[in-house]
Protein backbone atom coordinates (compact mmCIF):
# COMPACT_ATOMS: atom_id res chain seq x y z
CA MET A 1 17.93 -48.53 165.13
CA ALA A 2 16.06 -49.18 162.32
CA ARG A 3 13.12 -51.88 162.84
CA ILE A 4 11.12 -54.03 159.96
CA SER A 5 8.11 -54.78 160.44
CA ARG A 6 5.83 -57.72 160.56
CA LEU A 7 3.19 -57.66 158.11
CA GLY A 8 -0.36 -58.97 159.22
CA ARG A 9 -2.48 -60.90 156.74
CA ARG A 10 -4.58 -57.61 155.95
CA ASP A 11 -1.08 -56.12 155.03
CA VAL A 12 -0.01 -58.57 152.03
CA THR A 13 -1.01 -59.44 148.26
CA GLU A 14 -3.68 -61.54 147.30
CA ALA A 15 -0.48 -64.06 146.83
CA VAL A 16 1.37 -64.05 149.94
CA GLY A 17 -1.95 -63.83 151.52
CA GLU A 18 -2.43 -67.92 150.53
CA ILE A 19 1.07 -68.33 151.38
CA TYR A 20 -0.49 -67.21 155.32
CA ASP A 21 -3.28 -69.34 155.22
CA ARG A 22 -1.15 -72.13 153.92
CA TYR A 23 0.91 -71.57 157.12
CA VAL A 24 -2.01 -71.30 159.30
CA ARG A 25 -3.44 -74.01 158.24
CA GLN A 26 -0.41 -76.79 158.52
CA ARG A 27 1.51 -74.60 162.08
CA GLY A 28 -1.30 -72.76 163.68
CA ASN A 29 0.03 -69.65 162.91
CA VAL A 30 2.25 -67.46 161.00
CA PRO A 31 6.19 -67.65 161.52
CA ASN A 32 7.53 -64.33 162.11
CA MET A 33 10.30 -64.18 159.74
CA PHE A 34 8.37 -64.72 157.04
CA ARG A 35 5.64 -62.75 158.28
CA THR A 36 9.03 -60.27 157.89
CA VAL A 37 10.44 -61.08 154.47
CA ALA A 38 6.86 -60.41 153.03
CA THR A 39 7.98 -57.04 153.68
CA GLY A 40 10.36 -57.61 150.71
CA GLN A 41 6.96 -59.74 148.55
CA LYS A 42 9.59 -60.69 145.62
CA PHE A 43 11.33 -63.28 148.20
CA CYS A 44 7.97 -64.75 149.19
CA ARG A 45 6.98 -66.07 145.66
CA GLN A 46 10.24 -67.96 145.27
């Protein structure tokens, strides 16, 4: 079974990292679903 990794702050581009930072400021964490979707970075820009 294939697995999709959740990306950490150091694993993403600066643009996606800014979104991560916003989640941390607002929620205190980055949701796992967003960390998984971040593997397909075009989805993060929408």
